[in-house]
Amino acid sequence: MLNARELKVFYGVIQGLKGVDIDVYDREIVTLIGSNGAGKTSTLNGIVNLVRSSGRVSFLNDDISRSQTHQIVRRGLALVPEGRRVFTNLTIEENLRMGAYNNLAGYSRLRDRMYALFPRLKERHHQMAGTMSGGEQQMLAIARALMSEPV
C-alpha cells in the first residue's frame, strides 16, 4: 500500500534522514517508535513531501515521490501532525472545512460523520479551536485529517 526506499530528508544543509526503507501493507497498522530526534516525524513529513526529501515513495502503486503534498492528500493519504496543529483562529467547523478542501462537495456528509465520531466537536462547532483543551484539539486534528477521506 505504501513504501519508501532510500528516503532522505534535508533541513537546509543538514541531512535528517539517511536512507529509510519502510513498507506498509493493506489493513496493517505500523508504528514508528524511537527517542526524540530519531527521525519518526521526519520520516512521515518526507513521505508526504512536507520537507525537502529524496528517494522513492509509492502509494497504491503510484510513485508520489515528486508529488506536492496537496496532491498526495487528494490520492488518499492523510497525516495527523504531532502537537495537534489545529488552526487556532478558526472555529471547529472551519477547521473541518479546511480538511475537506479537496472534497468540498462531500463536506456536509463528512462533517456529520466526524460529529458522530466526535460528539464533543459537534457540541462546540462554533468554538474557536485555540480555546479547546488539548484532548479536544487532538480530536479535531484527527477529524480534520479524516475529512480528506483517506484510503
Protein backbone atom coordinates (compact mmCIF):
# COMPACT_ATOMS: atom_id res chain seq x y z
CA MET A 1 0.00 0.00 0.00
CA LEU A 2 2.78 2.44 0.98
CA ASN A 3 6.51 2.03 0.65
CA ALA A 4 9.55 4.21 0.78
CA ARG A 5 13.02 3.35 -0.44
CA GLU A 6 16.18 5.24 0.45
CA LEU A 7 14.10 8.11 1.88
CA LYS A 8 16.36 11.00 2.81
CA VAL A 9 15.17 14.23 4.40
CA PHE A 10 17.01 17.54 4.46
CA TYR A 11 16.67 20.61 6.64
CA GLY A 12 18.74 23.14 4.75
CA VAL A 13 22.20 21.58 4.50
CA ILE A 14 21.53 19.17 7.38
CA GLN A 15 20.51 15.64 6.39
CA GLY A 16 17.86 14.49 8.89
CA LEU A 17 17.27 11.01 7.45
CA LYS A 18 19.84 8.85 5.75
CA GLY A 19 18.05 6.28 3.62
CA VAL A 20 14.97 4.93 5.40
CA ASP A 21 13.06 1.98 3.91
CA ILE A 22 9.51 1.26 5.07
CA ASP A 23 6.64 -0.92 3.88
CA VAL A 24 3.02 -0.66 4.98
CA TYR A 25 0.61 -3.26 3.66
CA ASP A 26 -3.17 -3.01 3.26
CA ARG A 27 -5.02 -3.27 6.60
CA GLU A 28 -1.74 -3.21 8.52
CA ILE A 29 -1.03 -0.95 11.47
CA VAL A 30 2.57 0.21 11.71
CA THR A 31 4.12 2.27 14.47
CA LEU A 32 7.34 4.23 14.42
CA ILE A 33 8.99 4.07 17.82
CA GLY A 34 12.13 5.86 18.86
CA SER A 35 13.60 8.51 21.08
CA ASN A 36 13.35 12.22 20.40
CA GLY A 37 15.37 13.06 17.31
CA ALA A 38 15.32 9.51 15.93
CA GLY A 39 13.53 10.60 12.73
CA LYS A 40 9.92 9.50 13.23
CA THR A 41 8.38 12.84 12.28
CA SER A 42 10.96 13.43 9.56
CA THR A 43 10.03 10.08 8.00
CA LEU A 44 6.33 10.95 7.90
CA ASN A 45 6.98 14.50 6.68
CA GLY A 46 9.27 13.14 3.97
CA ILE A 47 6.63 10.65 2.80
CA VAL A 48 4.09 13.44 2.26
CA ASN A 49 6.69 15.93 0.95
CA LEU A 50 6.32 18.48 3.72
CA VAL A 51 10.12 18.74 3.79
CA ARG A 52 12.81 18.53 1.12
CA SER A 53 13.48 14.86 0.51
CA SER A 54 14.86 12.35 -1.94
CA GLY A 55 14.30 8.66 -2.54
CA ARG A 56 11.27 6.83 -3.86
CA VAL A 57 7.85 6.79 -2.20
CA SER A 58 4.92 4.92 -3.68
CA PHE A 59 1.32 4.83 -2.51
CA LEU A 60 -1.18 2.39 -4.00
CA ASN A 61 1.42 1.50 -6.64
CA ASP A 62 1.81 5.12 -7.80
CA ASP A 63 5.09 6.97 -7.43
CA ILE A 64 4.35 10.02 -5.25
CA SER A 65 7.99 10.97 -4.71
CA ARG A 66 7.70 14.26 -6.59
CA SER A 67 4.03 14.99 -5.89
CA GLN A 68 3.06 18.06 -3.94
CA THR A 69 1.53 17.48 -0.51
CA HIS A 70 -1.99 18.51 -1.55
CA GLN A 71 -1.81 16.03 -4.46
CA ILE A 72 -0.77 13.26 -2.07
CA VAL A 73 -3.72 14.06 0.22
CA ARG A 74 -6.05 14.02 -2.80
CA ARG A 75 -4.82 10.47 -3.57
CA GLY A 76 -5.96 9.31 -0.13
CA LEU A 77 -3.00 9.69 2.23
CA ALA A 78 -3.51 11.91 5.29
CA LEU A 79 -1.21 12.93 8.13
CA VAL A 80 -2.25 14.00 11.61
CA PRO A 81 0.57 16.31 12.68
CA GLU A 82 2.10 15.98 16.11
CA GLY A 83 1.28 18.69 18.58
CA ARG A 84 -2.27 18.92 17.21
CA ARG A 85 -1.56 21.94 14.97
CA VAL A 86 -5.16 22.99 14.55
CA PHE A 87 -5.98 26.38 13.07
CA THR A 88 -6.42 28.15 16.40
CA ASN A 89 -8.06 31.28 14.99
CA LEU A 90 -10.72 29.26 13.16
CA THR A 91 -13.77 27.54 14.61
CA ILE A 92 -14.08 23.78 14.83
CA GLU A 93 -16.38 23.82 11.80
CA GLU A 94 -13.94 25.97 9.80
CA ASN A 95 -11.10 23.57 10.68
CA LEU A 96 -13.18 20.67 9.37
CA ARG A 97 -13.87 22.59 6.15
CA MET A 98 -10.11 23.07 5.72
CA GLY A 99 -9.69 19.29 5.98
CA ALA A 100 -12.22 18.79 3.19
CA TYR A 101 -10.69 21.32 0.79
CA ASN A 102 -10.13 18.54 -1.78
CA ASN A 103 -13.71 17.33 -1.40
CA LEU A 104 -16.00 20.26 -0.66
CA ALA A 105 -18.89 18.54 -2.45
CA GLY A 106 -18.88 15.89 0.28
CA TYR A 107 -18.36 18.36 3.11
CA SER A 108 -21.77 18.07 4.82
CA ARG A 109 -21.72 14.26 4.77
CA LEU A 110 -18.15 14.13 6.08
CA ARG A 111 -18.80 16.77 8.76
CA ASP A 112 -21.82 14.84 10.04
CA ARG A 113 -19.71 11.67 10.13
CA MET A 114 -17.00 13.44 12.18
CA TYR A 115 -19.62 14.82 14.56
CA ALA A 116 -20.94 11.27 15.03
CA LEU A 117 -17.40 10.03 15.77
CA PHE A 118 -16.55 13.00 17.99
CA PRO A 119 -19.78 14.33 19.60
CA ARG A 120 -17.78 16.85 21.63
CA LEU A 121 -16.84 18.63 18.39
CA LYS A 122 -20.50 18.91 17.41
CA GLU A 123 -21.38 20.42 20.80
CA ARG A 124 -18.77 23.13 20.25
CA HIS A 125 -18.78 23.54 16.47
CA HIS A 126 -18.76 27.38 16.68
CA GLN A 127 -15.96 27.47 19.29
CA MET A 128 -12.52 28.76 18.31
CA ALA A 129 -10.14 25.82 18.11
CA GLY A 130 -7.49 27.63 20.13
CA THR A 131 -9.77 27.74 23.17
CA MET A 132 -10.30 23.97 23.27
CA SER A 133 -8.49 21.60 25.64
CA GLY A 134 -5.53 19.62 24.35
CA GLY A 135 -7.58 16.44 24.04
CA GLU A 136 -10.32 18.25 22.16
CA GLN A 137 -7.75 19.75 19.81
CA GLN A 138 -6.37 16.27 19.16
CA MET A 139 -9.88 15.04 18.31
CA LEU A 140 -10.19 17.95 15.89
CA ALA A 141 -6.81 17.22 14.29
CA ILE A 142 -7.85 13.60 13.69
CA ALA A 143 -11.28 14.62 12.38
CA ARG A 144 -9.73 17.21 10.08
CA ALA A 145 -7.44 14.56 8.57
CA LEU A 146 -10.37 12.16 8.12
CA MET A 147 -12.26 14.87 6.23
CA SER A 148 -9.98 14.17 3.25
CA GLU A 149 -11.35 10.60 3.14
CA PRO A 150 -8.01 8.80 3.32
CA VAL A 151 -7.76 5.26 1.99
